[in-house]
Amino acid sequence: MLRFEPWEGSLDEWGEILRTYPDRQIFQTPAWMRFIAESQGGAKPVIAALKDGNSTVGHFAGLEVRRAGFRILGSPFVGWTTPYMGVRLVPGVEKRAALAALIHFAFDQSRFAHLEVMDRQLSLCDGERVFQEHSEIKGWEVDLTPTEEEILARMYNDRRRCIRKSKRDGVVIEECWDESFVEDYYPQLEDVFAKQSLVPTYSRERIRLLIRHLLPTGMLLLLRARDRSGRCIATGIFPALNDRVYFFGGASWRDGQILHPNEPIQWYAMRYWKQRGITAYDMCGGGEYKKQYGGREISVLWFRSSKYRWVSQLRMAAAAAFRLRQKWLGWWRGRGEKHGAARDE
């Protein structure tokens, strides 16, 4: 019978274990877990070893946070800007049995009130009878194994045309290797959200911490697009490990979009990571513009269970309150900008 046991080693030691799994991903590395821990106000890493008798046949990695006094085990949890975590298993281990052992570990052994897991390796069949509920997250993934010419040919004509036009118009893509990137990216992100009368879902400090923890590892690419004058008009963030690169975020100034800087940023990132052995680009989420880069549609399941049913209801209420607050702040900021512009006239 499978069972999870707490694993008490250091995060660096966990990193050595993670390297033994062929399906390892960046979001369970020590660097990323430290990023989550610090950005979430001291979230506590939780690592457990899956045992079959005396043999270790897998591991779970997540983090503990407290919300409204309740202990929550996320792998990942909503709001962490982290798409996938979950369980790593040796070949032949039944995933449903491993998830059942995880439920027992979370609620009976460790006394958590709520558990969430999203893992690209898990199917509906694996988790639907183990977890109380799930949601489906759709996205797009670009195959980077063909030649650059073939990858480009699979894009929609509009994307290819924008890549060529931006080059003719003098847009230059450059790599950034320090925290100064934050001062370009975050104001542009605010402008993107302001267009929808919203505010960003995470703080400027979140990006600073991401860079601080991930950039020294070589697993993070930061890109700027500059116009002929040297002004930064767009930015992009692309973490990668093993066989995949991910689209963490992109932003641009509205008045610079006529130069189409976002398309060459995407194309630069694909070529950069392809040249370093990455074989797939997960664009992390849906959107018509992502489809136009020639990828295939993917679907990932987010599983959730609560020890008490009303904890799940509280989570849903908190998420709704967050969305309402974001809309209100966006409206208030837009109102202030309009009044400020009126005073300047």
C-alpha atoms as a PDB file:
ATOM      1  CA  MET A   1       0.000   0.000   0.000  1.00  0.00           C
ATOM      2  CA  LEU A   2       1.367   3.401  -0.986  1.00  0.00           C
ATOM      3  CA  ARG A   3       1.894   6.029   1.688  1.00  0.00           C
ATOM      4  CA  PHE A   4       3.529   9.453   1.870  1.00  0.00           C
ATOM      5  CA  GLU A   5       6.016  10.245   4.619  1.00  0.00           C
ATOM      6  CA  PRO A   6       7.409  13.694   5.494  1.00  0.00           C
ATOM      7  CA  TRP A   7      10.847  14.303   3.978  1.00  0.00           C
ATOM      8  CA  GLU A   8      13.065  16.418   6.215  1.00  0.00           C
ATOM      9  CA  GLY A   9      16.036  17.259   3.983  1.00  0.00           C
ATOM     10  CA  SER A  10      17.046  20.738   2.810  1.00  0.00           C
ATOM     11  CA  LEU A  11      15.729  22.360  -0.356  1.00  0.00           C
ATOM     12  CA  ASP A  12      19.135  21.963  -1.965  1.00  0.00           C
ATOM     13  CA  GLU A  13      19.046  18.236  -1.198  1.00  0.00           C
ATOM     14  CA  TRP A  14      15.554  18.124  -2.672  1.00  0.00           C
ATOM     15  CA  GLY A  15      16.980  19.665  -5.839  1.00  0.00           C
ATOM     16  CA  GLU A  16      19.369  16.736  -6.189  1.00  0.00           C
ATOM     17  CA  ILE A  17      16.478  14.273  -5.883  1.00  0.00           C
ATOM     18  CA  LEU A  18      14.375  16.229  -8.384  1.00  0.00           C
ATOM     19  CA  ARG A  19      17.133  15.888 -10.981  1.00  0.00           C
ATOM     20  CA  THR A  20      16.577  12.120 -11.022  1.00  0.00           C
ATOM     21  CA  TYR A  21      13.059  12.513 -12.457  1.00  0.00           C
ATOM     22  CA  PRO A  22      12.845  12.722 -16.268  1.00  0.00           C
ATOM     23  CA  ASP A  23       9.608  14.762 -16.020  1.00  0.00           C
ATOM     24  CA  ARG A  24      11.039  17.327 -13.593  1.00  0.00           C
ATOM     25  CA  GLN A  25       9.866  20.895 -14.061  1.00  0.00           C
ATOM     26  CA  ILE A  26      11.079  24.290 -12.986  1.00  0.00           C
ATOM     27  CA  PHE A  27       8.180  24.962 -10.596  1.00  0.00           C
ATOM     28  CA  GLN A  28       9.396  22.385  -8.059  1.00  0.00           C
ATOM     29  CA  THR A  29      13.054  23.400  -8.097  1.00  0.00           C
ATOM     30  CA  PRO A  30      14.579  24.873  -4.916  1.00  0.00           C
ATOM     31  CA  ALA A  31      14.885  28.276  -6.607  1.00  0.00           C
ATOM     32  CA  TRP A  32      11.211  28.432  -7.576  1.00  0.00           C
ATOM     33  CA  MET A  33      10.016  27.145  -4.215  1.00  0.00           C
ATOM     34  CA  ARG A  34      12.104  29.802  -2.468  1.00  0.00           C
ATOM     35  CA  PHE A  35      10.544  32.389  -4.756  1.00  0.00           C
ATOM     36  CA  ILE A  36       7.041  31.236  -3.779  1.00  0.00           C
ATOM     37  CA  ALA A  37       7.929  31.070  -0.087  1.00  0.00           C
ATOM     38  CA  GLU A  38       9.209  34.644   0.011  1.00  0.00           C
ATOM     39  CA  SER A  39       6.564  36.135  -2.279  1.00  0.00           C
ATOM     40  CA  GLN A  40       3.785  34.498  -0.244  1.00  0.00           C
ATOM     41  CA  GLY A  41       4.836  35.924   3.095  1.00  0.00           C
ATOM     42  CA  GLY A  42       6.831  33.000   4.400  1.00  0.00           C
ATOM     43  CA  ALA A  43       5.022  30.030   2.878  1.00  0.00           C
ATOM     44  CA  LYS A  44       6.591  26.810   4.133  1.00  0.00           C
ATOM     45  CA  PRO A  45       7.900  24.197   1.665  1.00  0.00           C
ATOM     46  CA  VAL A  46       6.401  20.737   2.180  1.00  0.00           C
ATOM     47  CA  ILE A  47       8.122  17.728   0.609  1.00  0.00           C
ATOM     48  CA  ALA A  48       6.990  14.139   1.112  1.00  0.00           C
ATOM     49  CA  ALA A  49       8.390  10.820  -0.079  1.00  0.00           C
ATOM     50  CA  LEU A  50       6.028   8.211  -1.514  1.00  0.00           C
ATOM     51  CA  LYS A  51       6.760   4.787  -0.056  1.00  0.00           C
ATOM     52  CA  ASP A  52       5.852   1.326  -1.284  1.00  0.00           C
ATOM     53  CA  GLY A  53       7.049  -0.873   1.558  1.00  0.00           C
ATOM     54  CA  ASN A  54      10.633   0.230   2.155  1.00  0.00           C
ATOM     55  CA  SER A  55      11.118   1.571  -1.359  1.00  0.00           C
ATOM     56  CA  THR A  56      10.763   5.238  -2.340  1.00  0.00           C
ATOM     57  CA  VAL A  57       8.691   5.398  -5.535  1.00  0.00           C
ATOM     58  CA  GLY A  58       7.919   9.096  -5.821  1.00  0.00           C
ATOM     59  CA  HIS A  59       7.838  12.542  -4.221  1.00  0.00           C
ATOM     60  CA  PHE A  60       5.393  15.366  -3.669  1.00  0.00           C
ATOM     61  CA  ALA A  61       6.447  19.005  -3.444  1.00  0.00           C
ATOM     62  CA  GLY A  62       4.233  21.910  -2.439  1.00  0.00           C
ATOM     63  CA  LEU A  63       4.024  24.698   0.106  1.00  0.00           C
ATOM     64  CA  GLU A  64       1.934  25.445   3.169  1.00  0.00           C
ATOM     65  CA  VAL A  65       0.145  28.763   3.532  1.00  0.00           C
ATOM     66  CA  ARG A  66      -2.412  29.994   6.026  1.00  0.00           C
ATOM     67  CA  ARG A  67      -5.583  31.699   4.914  1.00  0.00           C
ATOM     68  CA  ALA A  68      -8.222  32.860   7.406  1.00  0.00           C
ATOM     69  CA  GLY A  69      -6.520  30.722  10.026  1.00  0.00           C
ATOM     70  CA  PHE A  70      -6.653  27.519   7.945  1.00  0.00           C
ATOM     71  CA  ARG A  71      -3.614  25.497   6.875  1.00  0.00           C
ATOM     72  CA  ILE A  72      -3.613  25.022   3.113  1.00  0.00           C
ATOM     73  CA  LEU A  73      -1.315  22.761   1.112  1.00  0.00           C
ATOM     74  CA  GLY A  74      -0.839  24.054  -2.410  1.00  0.00           C
ATOM     75  CA  SER A  75       0.941  22.372  -5.263  1.00  0.00           C
ATOM     76  CA  PRO A  76       0.372  25.037  -6.476  1.00  0.00           C
ATOM     77  CA  PHE A  77      -2.262  27.339  -4.933  1.00  0.00           C
ATOM     78  CA  VAL A  78      -4.235  30.094  -6.621  1.00  0.00           C
ATOM     79  CA  GLY A  79      -2.382  33.418  -6.787  1.00  0.00           C
ATOM     80  CA  TRP A  80       1.149  32.008  -6.786  1.00  0.00           C
ATOM     81  CA  THR A  81       1.828  32.764 -10.493  1.00  0.00           C
ATOM     82  CA  THR A  82       2.876  29.111 -10.673  1.00  0.00           C
ATOM     83  CA  PRO A  83       1.077  26.839 -13.141  1.00  0.00           C
ATOM     84  CA  TYR A  84       2.193  23.292 -12.307  1.00  0.00           C
ATOM     85  CA  MET A  85       3.703  21.317  -9.433  1.00  0.00           C
ATOM     86  CA  GLY A  86       2.230  18.033  -8.153  1.00  0.00           C
ATOM     87  CA  VAL A  87       3.841  14.615  -7.800  1.00  0.00           C
ATOM     88  CA  ARG A  88       6.874  12.992  -9.419  1.00  0.00           C
ATOM     89  CA  LEU A  89       6.644   9.217  -9.711  1.00  0.00           C
ATOM     90  CA  VAL A  90       8.936   6.427 -10.844  1.00  0.00           C
ATOM     91  CA  PRO A  91       7.655   4.401 -13.835  1.00  0.00           C
ATOM     92  CA  GLY A  92       4.932   1.902 -13.047  1.00  0.00           C
ATOM     93  CA  VAL A  93       3.404   3.664 -10.039  1.00  0.00           C
ATOM     94  CA  GLU A  94      -0.365   4.037 -10.338  1.00  0.00           C
ATOM     95  CA  LYS A  95      -1.170   7.732 -10.264  1.00  0.00           C
ATOM     96  CA  ARG A  96      -4.626   7.350  -8.722  1.00  0.00           C
ATOM     97  CA  ALA A  97      -3.187   5.337  -5.838  1.00  0.00           C
ATOM     98  CA  ALA A  98      -0.468   7.956  -5.342  1.00  0.00           C
ATOM     99  CA  LEU A  99      -3.080  10.730  -5.215  1.00  0.00           C
ATOM    100  CA  ALA A 100      -5.166   8.773  -2.720  1.00  0.00           C
ATOM    101  CA  ALA A 101      -2.071   8.488  -0.546  1.00  0.00           C
ATOM    102  CA  LEU A 102      -1.563  12.244  -0.905  1.00  0.00           C
ATOM    103  CA  ILE A 103      -5.111  12.929   0.320  1.00  0.00           C
ATOM    104  CA  HIS A 104      -4.438  10.764   3.373  1.00  0.00           C
ATOM    105  CA  PHE A 105      -1.126  12.528   3.996  1.00  0.00           C
ATOM    106  CA  ALA A 106      -2.675  16.000   3.734  1.00  0.00           C
ATOM    107  CA  PHE A 107      -5.826  15.512   5.803  1.00  0.00           C
ATOM    108  CA  ASP A 108      -5.203  12.612   8.175  1.00  0.00           C
ATOM    109  CA  GLN A 109      -1.465  12.728   8.805  1.00  0.00           C
ATOM    110  CA  SER A 110      -0.692  16.450   8.463  1.00  0.00           C
ATOM    111  CA  ARG A 111      -4.059  18.008   9.397  1.00  0.00           C
ATOM    112  CA  PHE A 112      -4.356  20.415   6.484  1.00  0.00           C
ATOM    113  CA  ALA A 113      -7.783  21.873   5.814  1.00  0.00           C
ATOM    114  CA  HIS A 114      -7.442  22.181   2.033  1.00  0.00           C
ATOM    115  CA  LEU A 115      -5.323  20.660  -0.751  1.00  0.00           C
ATOM    116  CA  GLU A 116      -4.815  21.729  -4.358  1.00  0.00           C
ATOM    117  CA  VAL A 117      -2.763  20.002  -7.056  1.00  0.00           C
ATOM    118  CA  MET A 118      -2.143  20.874 -10.696  1.00  0.00           C
ATOM    119  CA  ASP A 119       0.235  18.618 -12.597  1.00  0.00           C
ATOM    120  CA  ARG A 120       0.550  18.218 -16.362  1.00  0.00           C
ATOM    121  CA  GLN A 121       1.088  14.478 -15.921  1.00  0.00           C
ATOM    122  CA  LEU A 122      -2.327  13.894 -14.279  1.00  0.00           C
ATOM    123  CA  SER A 123      -5.474  13.008 -16.220  1.00  0.00           C
ATOM    124  CA  LEU A 124      -9.131  13.204 -15.284  1.00  0.00           C
ATOM    125  CA  CYS A 125      -9.111   9.445 -14.755  1.00  0.00           C
ATOM    126  CA  ASP A 126      -6.256   9.807 -12.254  1.00  0.00           C
ATOM    127  CA  GLY A 127      -7.913  12.359 -10.009  1.00  0.00           C
ATOM    128  CA  GLU A 128     -11.671  12.594 -10.451  1.00  0.00           C
ATOM    129  CA  ARG A 129     -12.519   9.853  -7.932  1.00  0.00           C
ATOM    130  CA  VAL A 130      -9.868  11.001  -5.470  1.00  0.00           C
ATOM    131  CA  PHE A 131     -10.460  14.751  -5.331  1.00  0.00           C
ATOM    132  CA  GLN A 132     -13.769  16.445  -4.634  1.00  0.00           C
ATOM    133  CA  GLU A 133     -13.638  18.868  -7.559  1.00  0.00           C
ATOM    134  CA  HIS A 134     -11.545  20.009 -10.475  1.00  0.00           C
ATOM    135  CA  SER A 135     -11.362  22.676 -13.138  1.00  0.00           C
ATOM    136  CA  GLU A 136      -9.879  22.530 -16.620  1.00  0.00           C
ATOM    137  CA  ILE A 137      -7.182  24.987 -17.678  1.00  0.00           C
ATOM    138  CA  LYS A 138      -6.720  25.212 -21.437  1.00  0.00           C
ATOM    139  CA  GLY A 139      -3.628  26.520 -23.141  1.00  0.00           C
ATOM    140  CA  TRP A 140      -1.330  26.330 -26.153  1.00  0.00           C
ATOM    141  CA  GLU A 141       2.011  24.618 -26.619  1.00  0.00           C
ATOM    142  CA  VAL A 142       4.436  25.149 -29.498  1.00  0.00           C
ATOM    143  CA  ASP A 143       6.627  22.271 -30.711  1.00  0.00           C
ATOM    144  CA  LEU A 144      10.221  23.524 -30.911  1.00  0.00           C
ATOM    145  CA  THR A 145      11.740  20.371 -32.427  1.00  0.00           C
ATOM    146  CA  PRO A 146      11.272  21.344 -36.118  1.00  0.00           C
ATOM    147  CA  THR A 147      13.639  23.764 -37.844  1.00  0.00           C
ATOM    148  CA  GLU A 148      13.230  27.477 -37.202  1.00  0.00           C
ATOM    149  CA  GLU A 149      11.829  27.869 -40.713  1.00  0.00           C
ATOM    150  CA  GLU A 150       9.199  25.208 -40.039  1.00  0.00           C
ATOM    151  CA  ILE A 151       8.232  26.729 -36.675  1.00  0.00           C
ATOM    152  CA  LEU A 152       7.836  30.123 -38.305  1.00  0.00           C
ATOM    153  CA  ALA A 153       5.785  28.634 -41.149  1.00  0.00           C
ATOM    154  CA  ARG A 154       3.275  27.168 -38.671  1.00  0.00           C
ATOM    155  CA  MET A 155       2.445  30.602 -37.273  1.00  0.00           C
ATOM    156  CA  TYR A 156      -0.485  32.573 -38.606  1.00  0.00           C
ATOM    157  CA  ASN A 157       0.394  34.976 -41.410  1.00  0.00           C
ATOM    158  CA  ASP A 158      -0.299  37.980 -39.189  1.00  0.00           C
ATOM    159  CA  ARG A 159       2.293  36.838 -36.608  1.00  0.00           C
ATOM    160  CA  ARG A 160       4.974  36.318 -39.262  1.00  0.00           C
ATOM    161  CA  ARG A 161       4.182  39.650 -40.873  1.00  0.00           C
ATOM    162  CA  CYS A 162       4.474  41.436 -37.518  1.00  0.00           C
ATOM    163  CA  ILE A 163       7.865  39.823 -36.866  1.00  0.00           C
ATOM    164  CA  ARG A 164       9.182  41.024 -40.234  1.00  0.00           C
ATOM    165  CA  LYS A 165       7.619  44.483 -39.969  1.00  0.00           C
ATOM    166  CA  SER A 166       8.971  45.152 -36.478  1.00  0.00           C
ATOM    167  CA  LYS A 167      12.486  44.424 -37.721  1.00  0.00           C
ATOM    168  CA  ARG A 168      12.063  46.792 -40.681  1.00  0.00           C
ATOM    169  CA  ASP A 169      10.776  49.466 -38.297  1.00  0.00           C
ATOM    170  CA  GLY A 170      13.911  49.227 -36.165  1.00  0.00           C
ATOM    171  CA  VAL A 171      12.661  47.210 -33.198  1.00  0.00           C
ATOM    172  CA  VAL A 172      15.578  45.484 -31.451  1.00  0.00           C
ATOM    173  CA  ILE A 173      15.258  42.632 -28.922  1.00  0.00           C
ATOM    174  CA  GLU A 174      17.779  42.500 -26.094  1.00  0.00           C
ATOM    175  CA  GLU A 175      18.372  40.216 -23.128  1.00  0.00           C
ATOM    176  CA  CYS A 176      18.379  41.662 -19.614  1.00  0.00           C
ATOM    177  CA  TRP A 177      20.413  40.213 -16.732  1.00  0.00           C
ATOM    178  CA  ASP A 178      19.581  42.332 -13.702  1.00  0.00           C
ATOM    179  CA  GLU A 179      16.687  43.643 -11.609  1.00  0.00           C
ATOM    180  CA  SER A 180      16.451  46.868 -13.621  1.00  0.00           C
ATOM    181  CA  PHE A 181      14.092  44.835 -15.812  1.00  0.00           C
ATOM    182  CA  VAL A 182      11.365  45.333 -13.205  1.00  0.00           C
ATOM    183  CA  GLU A 183      11.243  49.074 -13.844  1.00  0.00           C
ATOM    184  CA  ASP A 184      10.428  48.458 -17.508  1.00  0.00           C
ATOM    185  CA  TYR A 185       8.131  45.459 -17.151  1.00  0.00           C
ATOM    186  CA  TYR A 186       5.832  46.461 -14.313  1.00  0.00           C
ATOM    187  CA  PRO A 187       4.712  49.917 -15.574  1.00  0.00           C
ATOM    188  CA  GLN A 188       3.965  48.294 -18.928  1.00  0.00           C
ATOM    189  CA  LEU A 189       1.982  45.582 -17.147  1.00  0.00           C
ATOM    190  CA  GLU A 190      -0.034  48.259 -15.353  1.00  0.00           C
ATOM    191  CA  ASP A 191      -0.768  49.829 -18.733  1.00  0.00           C
ATOM    192  CA  VAL A 192      -1.962  46.461 -20.115  1.00  0.00           C
ATOM    193  CA  PHE A 193      -4.378  46.015 -17.212  1.00  0.00           C
ATOM    194  CA  ALA A 194      -5.477  49.666 -17.293  1.00  0.00           C
ATOM    195  CA  LYS A 195      -6.693  49.087 -20.843  1.00  0.00           C
ATOM    196  CA  GLN A 196      -9.248  46.700 -19.299  1.00  0.00           C
ATOM    197  CA  SER A 197      -9.928  48.996 -16.297  1.00  0.00           C
ATOM    198  CA  LEU A 198      -8.085  46.558 -14.030  1.00  0.00           C
ATOM    199  CA  VAL A 199      -4.892  46.439 -11.997  1.00  0.00           C
ATOM    200  CA  PRO A 200      -2.213  43.696 -12.077  1.00  0.00           C
ATOM    201  CA  THR A 201      -2.911  40.574 -10.059  1.00  0.00           C
ATOM    202  CA  TYR A 202       0.549  40.649  -8.458  1.00  0.00           C
ATOM    203  CA  SER A 203       2.929  43.288  -7.161  1.00  0.00           C
ATOM    204  CA  ARG A 204       6.121  44.788  -8.536  1.00  0.00           C
ATOM    205  CA  GLU A 205       7.972  43.061  -5.696  1.00  0.00           C
ATOM    206  CA  ARG A 206       6.787  39.664  -6.998  1.00  0.00           C
ATOM    207  CA  ILE A 207       8.781  40.195 -10.203  1.00  0.00           C
ATOM    208  CA  ARG A 208      11.777  41.442  -8.270  1.00  0.00           C
ATOM    209  CA  LEU A 209      11.788  38.257  -6.187  1.00  0.00           C
ATOM    210  CA  LEU A 210      11.365  36.080  -9.266  1.00  0.00           C
ATOM    211  CA  ILE A 211      14.449  37.645 -10.833  1.00  0.00           C
ATOM    212  CA  ARG A 212      16.428  37.487  -7.599  1.00  0.00           C
ATOM    213  CA  HIS A 213      15.815  33.755  -7.133  1.00  0.00           C
ATOM    214  CA  LEU A 214      15.719  32.479 -10.731  1.00  0.00           C
ATOM    215  CA  LEU A 215      18.075  34.602 -12.802  1.00  0.00           C
ATOM    216  CA  PRO A 216      21.293  33.296 -11.174  1.00  0.00           C
ATOM    217  CA  THR A 217      20.255  29.712 -12.028  1.00  0.00           C
ATOM    218  CA  GLY A 218      20.247  30.261 -15.795  1.00  0.00           C
ATOM    219  CA  MET A 219      16.613  29.125 -15.920  1.00  0.00           C
ATOM    220  CA  LEU A 220      15.137  32.558 -16.647  1.00  0.00           C
ATOM    221  CA  LEU A 221      15.167  34.691 -19.798  1.00  0.00           C
ATOM    222  CA  LEU A 222      14.187  38.357 -19.589  1.00  0.00           C
ATOM    223  CA  LEU A 223      13.656  40.233 -22.850  1.00  0.00           C
ATOM    224  CA  ARG A 224      13.189  43.879 -23.790  1.00  0.00           C
ATOM    225  CA  ALA A 225      12.067  45.317 -27.110  1.00  0.00           C
ATOM    226  CA  ARG A 226      13.437  48.789 -27.942  1.00  0.00           C
ATOM    227  CA  ASP A 227      12.390  51.155 -30.703  1.00  0.00           C
ATOM    228  CA  ARG A 228      14.783  53.179 -32.862  1.00  0.00           C
ATOM    229  CA  SER A 229      15.166  55.817 -30.141  1.00  0.00           C
ATOM    230  CA  GLY A 230      16.188  53.184 -27.581  1.00  0.00           C
ATOM    231  CA  ARG A 231      12.953  53.363 -25.609  1.00  0.00           C
ATOM    232  CA  CYS A 232      11.802  50.056 -24.104  1.00  0.00           C
ATOM    233  CA  ILE A 233       8.322  49.441 -25.519  1.00  0.00           C
ATOM    234  CA  ALA A 234       7.717  45.787 -24.576  1.00  0.00           C
ATOM    235  CA  THR A 235       9.019  43.065 -22.245  1.00  0.00           C
ATOM    236  CA  GLY A 236       8.724  39.312 -21.741  1.00  0.00           C
ATOM    237  CA  ILE A 237       9.555  36.729 -19.045  1.00  0.00           C
ATOM    238  CA  PHE A 238      10.377  33.122 -19.987  1.00  0.00           C
ATOM    239  CA  PRO A 239      11.482  30.512 -17.385  1.00  0.00           C
ATOM    240  CA  ALA A 240      12.652  27.121 -18.633  1.00  0.00           C
ATOM    241  CA  LEU A 241      13.996  23.785 -17.442  1.00  0.00           C
ATOM    242  CA  ASN A 242      14.443  20.250 -18.762  1.00  0.00           C
ATOM    243  CA  ASP A 243      12.436  20.119 -22.002  1.00  0.00           C
ATOM    244  CA  ARG A 244      10.041  23.092 -21.638  1.00  0.00           C
ATOM    245  CA  VAL A 245      10.002  26.862 -21.638  1.00  0.00           C
ATOM    246  CA  TYR A 246       7.023  28.711 -20.167  1.00  0.00           C
ATOM    247  CA  PHE A 247       5.473  32.130 -20.815  1.00  0.00           C
ATOM    248  CA  PHE A 248       5.363  33.760 -17.384  1.00  0.00           C
ATOM    249  CA  GLY A 249       4.310  37.176 -18.597  1.00  0.00           C
ATOM    250  CA  GLY A 250       4.573  39.865 -21.235  1.00  0.00           C
ATOM    251  CA  ALA A 251       3.727  43.546 -21.353  1.00  0.00           C
ATOM    252  CA  SER A 252       3.990  46.539 -23.653  1.00  0.00           C
ATOM    253  CA  TRP A 253       3.095  50.212 -23.873  1.00  0.00           C
ATOM    254  CA  ARG A 254      -0.085  50.854 -25.822  1.00  0.00           C
ATOM    255  CA  ASP A 255       1.505  53.648 -27.828  1.00  0.00           C
ATOM    256  CA  GLY A 256       4.303  51.314 -28.923  1.00  0.00           C
ATOM    257  CA  GLN A 257       2.124  48.472 -30.163  1.00  0.00           C
ATOM    258  CA  ILE A 258       1.992  49.960 -33.650  1.00  0.00           C
ATOM    259  CA  LEU A 259       5.563  48.643 -33.992  1.00  0.00           C
ATOM    260  CA  HIS A 260       4.443  45.094 -33.060  1.00  0.00           C
ATOM    261  CA  PRO A 261       7.156  44.441 -30.441  1.00  0.00           C
ATOM    262  CA  ASN A 262       5.475  41.464 -28.767  1.00  0.00           C
ATOM    263  CA  GLU A 263       5.776  39.117 -31.735  1.00  0.00           C
ATOM    264  CA  PRO A 264       9.580  39.420 -32.102  1.00  0.00           C
ATOM    265  CA  ILE A 265       9.933  38.941 -28.331  1.00  0.00           C
ATOM    266  CA  GLN A 266       8.047  35.649 -28.594  1.00  0.00           C
ATOM    267  CA  TRP A 267      10.097  34.555 -31.601  1.00  0.00           C
ATOM    268  CA  TYR A 268      13.385  35.470 -29.900  1.00  0.00           C
ATOM    269  CA  ALA A 269      12.416  33.419 -26.819  1.00  0.00           C
ATOM    270  CA  MET A 270      11.522  30.375 -28.915  1.00  0.00           C
ATOM    271  CA  ARG A 271      14.830  30.460 -30.785  1.00  0.00           C
ATOM    272  CA  TYR A 272      16.856  31.179 -27.630  1.00  0.00           C
ATOM    273  CA  TRP A 273      15.543  28.167 -25.746  1.00  0.00           C
ATOM    274  CA  LYS A 274      15.450  25.890 -28.802  1.00  0.00           C
ATOM    275  CA  GLN A 275      19.183  26.496 -29.233  1.00  0.00           C
ATOM    276  CA  ARG A 276      19.630  25.336 -25.618  1.00  0.00           C
ATOM    277  CA  GLY A 277      17.846  22.033 -26.101  1.00  0.00           C
ATOM    278  CA  ILE A 278      14.295  22.975 -25.098  1.00  0.00           C
ATOM    279  CA  THR A 279      11.761  21.067 -27.196  1.00  0.00           C
ATOM    280  CA  ALA A 280       8.389  22.624 -26.246  1.00  0.00           C
ATOM    281  CA  TYR A 281       7.022  26.080 -25.422  1.00  0.00           C
ATOM    282  CA  ASP A 282       4.069  26.063 -23.002  1.00  0.00           C
ATOM    283  CA  MET A 283       2.371  29.453 -23.345  1.00  0.00           C
ATOM    284  CA  CYS A 284       0.543  28.898 -20.019  1.00  0.00           C
ATOM    285  CA  GLY A 285      -3.082  29.620 -20.659  1.00  0.00           C
ATOM    286  CA  GLY A 286      -5.518  30.333 -23.430  1.00  0.00           C
ATOM    287  CA  GLY A 287      -6.059  33.300 -25.682  1.00  0.00           C
ATOM    288  CA  GLU A 288      -6.603  33.705 -29.398  1.00  0.00           C
ATOM    289  CA  TYR A 289      -3.247  35.451 -29.869  1.00  0.00           C
ATOM    290  CA  LYS A 290      -1.430  32.435 -28.367  1.00  0.00           C
ATOM    291  CA  LYS A 291      -3.151  30.105 -30.810  1.00  0.00           C
ATOM    292  CA  GLN A 292      -1.691  32.148 -33.644  1.00  0.00           C
ATOM    293  CA  TYR A 293       1.866  31.082 -32.811  1.00  0.00           C
ATOM    294  CA  GLY A 294       1.176  27.669 -34.315  1.00  0.00           C
ATOM    295  CA  GLY A 295       0.893  25.517 -31.233  1.00  0.00           C
ATOM    296  CA  ARG A 296      -1.427  22.686 -30.275  1.00  0.00           C
ATOM    297  CA  GLU A 297      -4.149  23.077 -27.677  1.00  0.00           C
ATOM    298  CA  ILE A 298      -3.460  21.459 -24.318  1.00  0.00           C
ATOM    299  CA  SER A 299      -5.634  20.937 -21.255  1.00  0.00           C
ATOM    300  CA  VAL A 300      -4.462  20.615 -17.651  1.00  0.00           C
ATOM    301  CA  LEU A 301      -6.656  19.754 -14.659  1.00  0.00           C
ATOM    302  CA  TRP A 302      -6.562  21.589 -11.334  1.00  0.00           C
ATOM    303  CA  PHE A 303      -7.696  19.244  -8.568  1.00  0.00           C
ATOM    304  CA  ARG A 304      -9.020  20.430  -5.186  1.00  0.00           C
ATOM    305  CA  SER A 305     -10.267  18.837  -1.976  1.00  0.00           C
ATOM    306  CA  SER A 306     -11.156  20.196   1.446  1.00  0.00           C
ATOM    307  CA  LYS A 307     -11.358  18.404   4.748  1.00  0.00           C
ATOM    308  CA  TYR A 308     -14.522  20.396   5.386  1.00  0.00           C
ATOM    309  CA  ARG A 309     -16.828  21.314   2.517  1.00  0.00           C
ATOM    310  CA  TRP A 310     -17.280  24.892   3.674  1.00  0.00           C
ATOM    311  CA  VAL A 311     -13.528  25.543   3.330  1.00  0.00           C
ATOM    312  CA  SER A 312     -13.926  25.142  -0.435  1.00  0.00           C
ATOM    313  CA  GLN A 313     -16.826  27.592  -0.339  1.00  0.00           C
ATOM    314  CA  LEU A 314     -14.647  30.101   1.508  1.00  0.00           C
ATOM    315  CA  ARG A 315     -11.985  29.731  -1.190  1.00  0.00           C
ATOM    316  CA  MET A 316     -14.511  30.497  -3.923  1.00  0.00           C
ATOM    317  CA  ALA A 317     -15.783  33.520  -2.001  1.00  0.00           C
ATOM    318  CA  ALA A 318     -12.222  34.804  -1.494  1.00  0.00           C
ATOM    319  CA  ALA A 319     -11.475  34.427  -5.208  1.00  0.00           C
ATOM    320  CA  ALA A 320     -14.638  36.341  -6.101  1.00  0.00           C
ATOM    321  CA  ALA A 321     -13.737  39.081  -3.617  1.00  0.00           C
ATOM    322  CA  PHE A 322     -10.244  39.351  -5.146  1.00  0.00           C
ATOM    323  CA  ARG A 323     -11.685  39.803  -8.643  1.00  0.00           C
ATOM    324  CA  LEU A 324     -14.104  42.435  -7.377  1.00  0.00           C
ATOM    325  CA  ARG A 325     -11.298  44.285  -5.600  1.00  0.00           C
ATOM    326  CA  GLN A 326      -9.173  44.204  -8.767  1.00  0.00           C
ATOM    327  CA  LYS A 327     -12.004  45.725 -10.799  1.00  0.00           C
ATOM    328  CA  TRP A 328     -12.677  48.380  -8.176  1.00  0.00           C
ATOM    329  CA  LEU A 329      -9.015  49.381  -7.952  1.00  0.00           C
ATOM    330  CA  GLY A 330      -8.815  49.531 -11.739  1.00  0.00           C
ATOM    331  CA  TRP A 331     -11.870  51.779 -11.862  1.00  0.00           C
ATOM    332  CA  TRP A 332     -10.528  54.008  -9.077  1.00  0.00           C
ATOM    333  CA  ARG A 333      -7.109  54.342 -10.713  1.00  0.00           C
ATOM    334  CA  GLY A 334      -8.676  55.138 -14.072  1.00  0.00           C
ATOM    335  CA  ARG A 335     -10.893  57.752 -12.439  1.00  0.00           C
ATOM    336  CA  GLY A 336      -7.860  59.349 -10.803  1.00  0.00           C
ATOM    337  CA  GLU A 337      -5.929  59.434 -14.081  1.00  0.00           C
ATOM    338  CA  LYS A 338      -8.856  61.094 -15.871  1.00  0.00           C
ATOM    339  CA  HIS A 339      -9.175  63.739 -13.178  1.00  0.00           C
ATOM    340  CA  GLY A 340      -5.424  64.319 -13.231  1.00  0.00           C
ATOM    341  CA  ALA A 341      -5.460  64.752 -16.998  1.00  0.00           C
ATOM    342  CA  ALA A 342      -8.358  67.205 -16.722  1.00  0.00           C
ATOM    343  CA  ARG A 343      -6.406  69.316 -14.208  1.00  0.00           C
ATOM    344  CA  ASP A 344      -3.376  69.403 -16.519  1.00  0.00           C
ATOM    345  CA  GLU A 345      -5.389  70.737 -19.486  1.00  0.00           C
END
